[in-house]
Protein backbone atom coordinates (compact mmCIF):
# COMPACT_ATOMS: atom_id res chain seq x y z
CA MET A 1 -10.81 -16.93 11.81
CA PRO A 2 -11.74 -13.84 9.76
CA SER A 3 -10.33 -13.52 6.26
CA PRO A 4 -7.72 -10.82 5.59
CA MET A 5 -9.15 -7.67 4.07
CA GLN A 6 -8.33 -7.07 0.42
CA ILE A 7 -8.77 -4.11 -1.90
CA GLU A 8 -10.54 -5.29 -5.04
CA SER A 9 -10.76 -2.02 -6.96
CA ILE A 10 -9.74 1.62 -6.83
CA ALA A 11 -11.36 4.41 -8.85
CA ILE A 12 -9.73 7.86 -9.01
CA LYS A 13 -11.15 11.00 -10.60
CA ASN A 14 -9.53 14.40 -11.06
CA TYR A 15 -6.46 13.58 -8.97
CA ARG A 16 -3.35 14.91 -10.69
CA CYS A 17 -2.86 12.96 -13.94
CA PHE A 18 -5.82 10.67 -13.20
CA ARG A 19 -8.88 12.27 -14.74
CA ASP A 20 -10.77 8.97 -14.61
CA LEU A 21 -8.79 5.85 -13.70
CA VAL A 22 -10.06 2.47 -12.51
CA LEU A 23 -7.99 -0.48 -11.32
CA ASP A 24 -10.35 -3.41 -10.81
CA ASP A 25 -10.10 -7.14 -10.10
CA LEU A 26 -6.95 -6.53 -8.09
CA SER A 27 -5.03 -9.56 -6.85
CA ARG A 28 -3.05 -9.93 -3.62
CA MET A 29 0.00 -8.57 -5.48
CA THR A 30 -0.08 -5.85 -8.15
CA VAL A 31 3.00 -4.70 -10.05
CA VAL A 32 2.81 -1.36 -11.85
CA VAL A 33 5.04 -0.38 -14.77
CA GLY A 34 5.07 2.67 -17.00
CA ALA A 35 7.32 5.19 -18.67
CA THR A 36 8.83 7.99 -16.61
CA GLY A 37 6.13 10.55 -15.81
CA SER A 38 3.24 8.16 -16.49
CA GLY A 39 1.85 8.46 -12.96
CA LYS A 40 3.31 5.61 -10.91
CA SER A 41 4.30 7.90 -8.04
CA SER A 42 0.95 9.71 -8.24
CA LEU A 43 -0.86 6.38 -7.95
CA PHE A 44 1.05 5.48 -4.80
CA ASP A 45 0.46 9.00 -3.49
CA VAL A 46 -3.28 8.29 -3.51
CA PHE A 47 -2.67 5.76 -0.73
CA THR A 48 -0.59 8.27 1.22
CA PHE A 49 -3.22 10.97 0.65
CA LEU A 50 -5.99 8.82 2.14
CA LYS A 51 -3.85 7.99 5.14
CA ASP A 52 -2.97 11.67 5.66
CA ALA A 53 -6.64 12.61 5.32
CA LEU A 54 -7.57 10.07 7.97
CA THR A 55 -4.82 10.74 10.49
CA GLN A 56 -5.12 14.53 10.08
CA ASN A 57 -7.91 15.83 7.82
CA VAL A 58 -8.59 16.38 4.13
CA ALA A 59 -7.59 20.06 4.22
CA ALA A 60 -4.16 19.21 5.68
CA ALA A 61 -3.64 16.37 3.18
CA VAL A 62 -4.45 18.71 0.27
CA ALA A 63 -2.22 21.47 1.67
CA ARG A 64 0.73 19.05 1.87
CA ARG A 65 0.39 18.61 -1.89
CA GLY A 66 0.47 22.27 -2.77
CA GLY A 67 -3.23 23.06 -2.42
CA TYR A 68 -6.38 22.10 -4.26
CA ARG A 69 -5.47 23.78 -7.57
CA GLU A 70 -2.20 21.89 -7.72
CA LEU A 71 -3.81 18.56 -6.82
CA VAL A 72 -6.87 18.60 -9.07
CA SER A 73 -6.32 17.38 -12.65
CA ARG A 74 -5.20 20.00 -15.13
CA GLY A 75 -8.09 21.83 -16.72
CA GLN A 76 -10.62 20.28 -14.32
CA LYS A 77 -12.54 22.06 -11.58
CA GLY A 78 -13.08 18.90 -9.60
CA PRO A 79 -14.35 17.41 -7.46
CA ILE A 80 -11.63 14.94 -6.57
CA GLU A 81 -13.13 11.49 -6.04
CA ILE A 82 -11.60 8.30 -4.67
CA THR A 83 -13.57 5.07 -4.42
CA VAL A 84 -12.11 1.97 -2.74
CA LYS A 85 -13.91 -1.37 -2.87
CA PHE A 86 -12.57 -3.83 -0.33
CA ARG A 87 -13.46 -7.31 0.90
CA GLU A 88 -14.15 -6.96 4.62
CA SER A 89 -13.26 -9.70 7.11
CA GLY A 90 -16.68 -11.33 6.80
CA GLY A 91 -16.28 -11.71 3.05
CA GLN A 92 -18.67 -8.97 1.88
CA LEU A 93 -17.61 -6.39 -0.68
CA ALA A 94 -17.77 -2.92 0.87
CA THR A 95 -17.41 0.40 -0.96
CA TYR A 96 -15.85 3.53 0.52
CA TRP A 97 -16.54 6.69 -1.50
CA LEU A 98 -14.85 10.03 -0.85
CA LYS A 99 -15.60 13.24 -2.76
CA ILE A 100 -13.53 16.36 -2.04
CA ASN A 101 -14.35 19.89 -3.15
CA THR A 102 -13.91 23.51 -2.13
CA GLN A 103 -16.41 25.93 -0.68
CA ASP A 104 -16.60 29.64 -1.44
CA GLY A 105 -13.33 31.14 -0.36
CA GLY A 106 -11.36 28.02 -1.30
CA ARG A 107 -11.86 26.04 1.91
CA VAL A 108 -11.34 22.32 1.28
CA VAL A 109 -14.15 20.12 2.58
CA VAL A 110 -15.42 16.56 2.40
CA ASP A 111 -18.25 17.11 -0.08
CA HIS A 112 -19.53 13.53 0.21
CA GLU A 113 -18.38 10.48 2.15
CA ALA A 114 -20.19 7.15 2.15
CA LEU A 115 -19.70 3.53 3.10
CA SER A 116 -21.95 0.85 1.66
CA TYR A 117 -22.18 -2.78 0.61
CA ARG A 118 -24.48 -4.85 -1.53
CA ARG A 119 -27.21 -6.83 0.21
CA GLY A 120 -27.29 -10.18 -1.59
CA GLN A 121 -25.88 -11.03 -5.02
CA ARG A 122 -28.18 -8.71 -6.96
CA GLY A 123 -29.40 -6.28 -4.34
CA ARG A 124 -28.84 -2.56 -4.59
CA PRO A 125 -25.88 -1.11 -2.65
CA TRP A 126 -26.94 -0.37 0.93
CA ARG A 127 -25.43 2.87 2.20
CA PHE A 128 -25.10 2.70 5.98
CA VAL A 129 -22.85 5.74 6.44
CA TYR A 130 -23.35 9.01 4.58
CA PHE A 131 -21.91 12.45 5.33
CA SER A 132 -21.79 15.74 3.44
CA GLN A 133 -19.75 18.77 4.53
CA GLY A 134 -19.54 17.71 8.15
CA GLU A 135 -23.08 16.46 8.68
CA GLY A 136 -24.59 13.03 8.13
CA GLU A 137 -26.04 9.87 9.53
CA ALA A 138 -25.10 6.27 10.19
CA ILE A 139 -26.97 3.05 10.84
CA THR A 140 -26.28 2.18 14.48
CA ASN A 141 -27.53 -1.45 14.33
CA GLU A 142 -25.56 -2.55 11.28
CA SER A 143 -24.95 -6.01 12.78
CA GLU A 144 -28.71 -6.61 13.10
CA TYR A 145 -29.83 -4.99 9.89
CA GLY A 146 -26.87 -5.61 7.59
CA VAL A 147 -25.95 -8.36 5.17
CA ARG A 148 -25.95 -11.11 7.76
CA GLY A 149 -28.43 -9.37 10.06
CA THR A 150 -31.67 -10.48 11.65
CA GLN A 151 -34.50 -10.90 9.18
CA GLY A 152 -37.17 -8.21 9.61
CA ALA A 153 -34.97 -6.00 11.81
CA LEU A 154 -35.64 -2.27 11.55
CA GLN A 155 -32.71 -0.05 10.84
CA LYS A 156 -31.81 2.53 13.46
CA LYS A 157 -30.22 5.75 12.30
CA LYS A 158 -28.40 8.44 14.20
CA LYS A 159 -27.47 11.88 12.94
CA TYR A 160 -24.04 13.38 13.58
CA LYS A 161 -22.34 16.71 13.08
CA LEU A 162 -18.58 16.99 12.91
CA ASP A 163 -16.64 19.95 14.28
CA ASP A 164 -14.64 20.25 11.05
CA PRO A 165 -16.15 19.57 7.58
CA SER A 166 -12.72 18.46 6.34
CA THR A 167 -12.56 15.59 8.88
CA LEU A 168 -13.42 12.10 7.66
CA ALA A 169 -16.48 10.57 9.31
CA ILE A 170 -14.81 7.16 9.49
CA LYS A 171 -12.16 8.67 11.75
CA GLY A 172 -14.66 9.17 14.56
CA LEU A 173 -17.21 6.44 13.89
CA GLY A 174 -14.47 3.85 13.42
CA GLN A 175 -13.68 4.02 17.13
CA PHE A 176 -16.99 2.39 18.11
CA ARG A 177 -17.70 -1.35 18.06
CA GLU A 178 -21.23 -0.98 16.70
CA PHE A 179 -19.73 0.28 13.44
CA ARG A 180 -17.75 -2.86 12.61
CA ILE A 181 -17.21 -2.28 8.91
CA VAL A 182 -16.54 1.43 9.46
CA SER A 183 -13.88 0.37 11.96
CA GLU A 184 -12.40 -2.07 9.46
CA CYS A 185 -12.32 0.60 6.76
CA ARG A 186 -10.54 2.98 9.12
CA SER A 187 -8.11 0.25 10.18
CA LEU A 188 -7.39 -0.66 6.55
CA ILE A 189 -6.36 2.90 5.67
CA GLU A 190 -4.70 3.68 9.00
CA ASN A 191 -2.43 0.63 8.93
CA TRP A 192 -1.34 0.40 5.34
CA ARG A 193 2.29 1.20 4.69
CA ILE A 194 3.83 3.17 1.83
CA SER A 195 7.57 2.56 1.91
CA ASP A 196 9.98 5.34 0.98
CA PHE A 197 13.16 3.55 1.95
CA HIS A 198 16.38 5.61 2.07
CA ILE A 199 19.57 3.61 2.29
CA ALA A 200 21.47 6.46 4.02
CA ASP A 201 19.00 6.43 6.91
CA ALA A 202 19.56 2.74 7.67
CA ARG A 203 23.36 2.89 7.71
CA PRO A 204 24.24 4.84 10.88
CA SER A 205 23.97 3.21 14.26
CA ALA A 206 20.61 4.08 15.78
CA GLU A 207 19.58 5.25 19.22
CA ASP A 208 18.69 2.37 21.49
CA GLY A 209 14.93 2.12 21.77
CA TYR A 210 11.81 0.14 21.00
CA ALA A 211 10.21 -0.31 17.57
CA GLU A 212 7.93 -3.10 16.39
CA HIS A 213 7.53 -2.07 12.74
CA LEU A 214 9.92 -0.70 10.15
CA SER A 215 9.38 3.02 9.57
CA THR A 216 8.53 4.48 6.18
CA ARG A 217 12.13 5.56 5.61
CA GLY A 218 13.73 2.48 7.18
CA ASP A 219 15.72 4.48 9.73
CA ASN A 220 14.81 2.18 12.65
CA VAL A 221 15.86 -1.12 11.09
CA ALA A 222 18.29 -1.86 13.96
CA GLN A 223 15.59 -1.41 16.61
CA VAL A 224 13.12 -3.58 14.71
CA ALA A 225 15.76 -6.27 14.25
CA GLN A 226 16.38 -6.16 18.01
CA TYR A 227 12.62 -6.39 18.67
CA LEU A 228 12.28 -9.44 16.40
CA TYR A 229 15.29 -11.09 18.01
CA GLU A 230 13.94 -10.62 21.54
CA ASN A 231 10.20 -11.15 20.97
CA HIS A 232 9.76 -13.16 17.75
CA ARG A 233 12.87 -15.31 17.52
CA ALA A 234 11.36 -17.59 14.88
CA ARG A 235 10.64 -14.60 12.65
CA PHE A 236 14.18 -13.30 13.18
CA GLU A 237 15.57 -16.69 12.17
CA ASP A 238 13.38 -16.55 9.05
CA VAL A 239 14.98 -13.22 8.17
CA LEU A 240 18.47 -14.69 8.65
CA GLN A 241 17.62 -17.75 6.59
CA ALA A 242 16.27 -15.55 3.80
CA MET A 243 19.43 -13.41 3.94
CA ARG A 244 21.59 -16.52 3.61
CA GLN A 245 19.56 -17.57 0.56
CA ARG A 246 19.27 -14.15 -1.09
CA VAL A 247 22.69 -12.56 -0.39
CA PRO A 248 25.73 -14.74 -1.09
CA GLY A 249 28.27 -14.80 1.74
CA VAL A 250 26.06 -13.46 4.52
CA ASN A 251 25.47 -16.09 7.19
CA ASP A 252 24.46 -14.04 10.25
CA VAL A 253 23.14 -10.62 11.28
CA GLU A 254 22.78 -9.19 14.75
CA ALA A 255 21.68 -5.86 16.27
CA LYS A 256 24.47 -5.11 18.76
CA PRO A 257 23.95 -2.60 21.63
CA THR A 258 26.93 -0.33 22.29
CA GLU A 259 28.14 1.20 25.55
CA ASP A 260 26.67 4.60 24.69
CA GLY A 261 23.15 3.14 24.24
CA ARG A 262 23.13 2.89 20.45
CA LEU A 263 22.46 -0.09 18.22
CA VAL A 264 24.59 -1.18 15.29
CA LEU A 265 23.87 -3.88 12.74
CA ARG A 266 26.69 -6.41 12.36
CA PHE A 267 26.86 -8.70 9.33
CA GLN A 268 28.91 -11.90 9.41
CA ASP A 269 30.51 -12.93 6.12
CA GLY A 270 31.46 -16.59 6.06
CA SER A 271 34.83 -15.68 4.51
CA PHE A 272 35.92 -13.55 7.47
CA GLN A 273 36.29 -14.21 11.17
CA ASP A 274 35.06 -10.78 12.31
CA PRO A 275 31.69 -9.29 11.33
CA PHE A 276 31.25 -6.00 9.47
CA ILE A 277 29.11 -3.17 10.84
CA ALA A 278 26.38 -1.77 8.61
CA ARG A 279 28.27 1.22 7.25
CA TYR A 280 30.92 -1.04 5.74
CA VAL A 281 28.67 -3.44 3.81
CA SER A 282 27.07 -2.85 0.43
CA ASP A 283 23.91 -0.84 -0.14
CA GLY A 284 22.28 -3.96 -1.54
CA THR A 285 22.98 -5.98 1.62
CA ILE A 286 21.48 -3.32 3.88
CA LYS A 287 18.47 -2.81 1.64
CA MET A 288 17.71 -6.52 1.30
CA PHE A 289 17.93 -6.94 5.07
CA ALA A 290 15.57 -3.99 5.62
CA TYR A 291 13.07 -5.41 3.13
CA LEU A 292 13.16 -8.79 4.83
CA VAL A 293 12.61 -7.18 8.26
CA LEU A 294 9.61 -5.42 6.73
CA LEU A 295 8.26 -8.50 4.95
CA TYR A 296 8.63 -10.84 7.93
CA ASP A 297 6.71 -8.54 10.25
CA PRO A 298 4.61 -10.79 12.56
CA LYS A 299 1.61 -8.55 11.79
CA PRO A 300 1.55 -7.84 8.05
CA HIS A 301 0.19 -4.47 7.00
CA PRO A 302 -3.14 -4.78 5.17
CA LEU A 303 -1.52 -2.97 2.26
CA LEU A 304 2.16 -2.50 1.50
CA ALA A 305 3.20 -0.17 -1.35
CA ILE A 306 6.82 0.06 -2.47
CA GLU A 307 8.26 2.11 -5.31
CA GLU A 308 11.15 0.68 -7.35
CA PRO A 309 12.52 -1.84 -4.82
CA GLU A 310 15.23 -2.81 -7.31
CA ASN A 311 17.36 0.28 -6.59
CA GLN A 312 20.77 -0.66 -5.09
CA LEU A 313 20.04 -4.38 -5.55
CA TYR A 314 21.79 -6.75 -7.93
CA PRO A 315 19.60 -7.94 -10.83
CA ALA A 316 20.19 -11.53 -9.70
CA LEU A 317 18.30 -10.78 -6.45
CA MET A 318 15.09 -9.70 -8.21
CA TYR A 319 13.44 -13.08 -8.62
CA GLY A 320 13.93 -13.88 -4.94
CA LEU A 321 12.56 -10.49 -3.94
CA VAL A 322 9.42 -11.12 -6.00
CA GLU A 323 8.93 -14.39 -4.14
CA GLU A 324 9.32 -12.63 -0.80
CA PHE A 325 6.65 -10.08 -1.78
CA ARG A 326 4.34 -12.87 -2.93
CA ASP A 327 4.83 -14.79 0.33
CA TYR A 328 3.98 -11.61 2.25
CA ALA A 329 0.72 -11.39 0.29
CA ARG A 330 -0.06 -15.03 1.08
CA ARG A 331 0.41 -14.33 4.80
CA GLY A 332 -2.30 -11.67 4.75
CA GLY A 333 -0.84 -8.45 3.36
CA GLN A 334 -1.68 -6.95 -0.02
CA VAL A 335 1.25 -5.69 -2.07
CA PHE A 336 1.59 -2.90 -4.64
CA VAL A 337 4.99 -2.52 -6.30
CA SER A 338 6.17 -0.16 -9.04
CA THR A 339 9.28 -1.09 -10.99
CA HIS A 340 11.59 -0.22 -13.86
CA SER A 341 13.39 -3.57 -13.68
CA PRO A 342 12.92 -6.17 -16.41
CA ASP A 343 14.56 -8.69 -14.06
CA PHE A 344 11.90 -8.02 -11.42
CA LEU A 345 9.12 -8.34 -14.02
CA ASN A 346 10.52 -11.68 -15.17
CA GLY A 347 9.47 -13.16 -11.81
CA VAL A 348 5.94 -11.70 -11.96
CA LYS A 349 2.81 -13.35 -13.33
CA LEU A 350 1.15 -11.62 -16.26
CA ASP A 351 -2.16 -11.18 -14.41
CA GLU A 352 -0.30 -9.30 -11.64
CA ILE A 353 0.96 -6.59 -14.01
CA ARG A 354 -0.76 -3.27 -14.79
CA TRP A 355 0.82 -0.73 -17.05
CA LEU A 356 0.19 2.99 -17.14
CA VAL A 357 0.00 4.99 -20.36
CA LYS A 358 -0.09 8.78 -20.46
CA GLU A 359 -1.84 10.41 -23.40
CA ASN A 360 -2.75 14.08 -23.78
CA GLY A 361 -1.69 14.74 -20.20
CA PHE A 362 -3.86 12.07 -18.55
CA THR A 363 -3.11 8.50 -17.53
CA SER A 364 -4.99 5.31 -18.36
CA VAL A 365 -4.27 1.79 -17.13
CA ARG A 366 -4.09 -1.55 -18.91
CA ARG A 367 -4.00 -5.09 -17.58
CA ALA A 368 -1.23 -7.19 -19.11
CA SER A 369 -3.26 -10.42 -19.09
CA ASP A 370 -5.98 -8.73 -21.21
CA ASN A 371 -3.51 -8.33 -24.09
CA ASP A 372 -3.88 -11.38 -26.36
CA LEU A 373 -0.40 -11.00 -27.88
CA LEU A 374 1.32 -10.79 -24.50
CA GLN A 375 -0.67 -13.77 -23.23
CA ALA A 376 0.25 -15.84 -26.28
CA LEU A 377 3.96 -14.96 -26.02
CA VAL A 378 4.08 -15.80 -22.30
CA ASN A 379 2.30 -19.09 -23.00
CA GLU A 380 5.08 -19.85 -25.49
CA GLY A 381 7.71 -19.30 -22.81
CA ASP A 382 8.62 -15.61 -23.08
CA LEU A 383 9.14 -13.70 -19.84
CA PRO A 384 7.21 -10.49 -19.06
CA GLY A 385 10.35 -8.46 -18.34
CA ALA A 386 11.91 -9.41 -21.66
CA LEU A 387 8.69 -8.48 -23.48
CA TRP A 388 8.57 -5.15 -21.67
CA ARG A 389 12.19 -4.42 -22.61
CA GLN A 390 11.35 -5.19 -26.25
CA GLY A 391 8.45 -2.72 -26.30
CA PHE A 392 5.49 -5.10 -26.26
CA PHE A 393 3.91 -3.07 -23.43
CA GLU A 394 2.84 -0.28 -25.76
CA GLY A 395 3.37 3.18 -24.31
CA ALA A 396 5.12 1.88 -21.19
CA GLY A 397 8.64 1.11 -22.32
CA PRO A 398 11.59 1.08 -19.89
CA GLN A 399 12.69 4.69 -20.29
């Protein structure tokens, strides 16, 4: 069985407040903290940007963010560069490099795009896909010539020309089986999920319909609950069991179809004979249920990014939520979370925490476990959230 893909490092240059930022040695779960305005939302937007660039094109992704001048770091001409190193399903470390610039007249193009991996422990990186401004080449017998390929095999190249120089090469090549790692890179970006959950969207009864995965805004939670109940009963029972453990008083949840073809969520409180519909229960109850529906998805997203999951939740629920995120990562997903909650941080391991510091308009990143004082205090029994509240994460206090 192939191993789940995992991002091991991300390098960002000239993207908003990130003039030159590197997050390396990433674990299955990464928790990001930082003062207001330090760049947490911009970091998560990098994931959304790559997904927009893939599903549409780079020009459209840049336009959605106000244009190239608004996106490029202040005082910099560019280019914007994003490099993602990920462990592909066969265990090799692959590198995807994207460089974005403008041509005369301001047209946004893919200046350079490459996919490579290292052949052997000390071999030079082998670039098997390379494109520049809509033209490039790819190795068509990667399986024969690549890392685990046939010894002495000759590489076979094919040249390509894209219709639009702002289209990513991996979008087209990733459709073909002969480009296995290209396909995995495309799938990684295409299927990661950046959650922007809005409690108001989950409250109303929803139109009856079919949905396998929770949407970005969480407005189809009733349909997904119905899908889990009908097609993955064990998963649905896991959600109910987690709700019973995490939210006191709740002992059952159902997605109830109505006569007019809508679905309503009904929550059963053990203290009352009749259940409550979603609009009459607390924001925290709805939000915890939506998170659990997301986290118990039978097919975990390769990457799940969530900003400030603590909003509308009681502090006492934070430790359990951390455990749910960690279990999701163990089942094959990779998790990025930003937070302002000391209670959430108290459940996180020190080597899972990165903190952002903004100086002179640009953001740098620090790893909590690299700080000797923090490591010593945690070894003595202090909790990361308490240390953060007390200002031991220099430049990243809870503001």
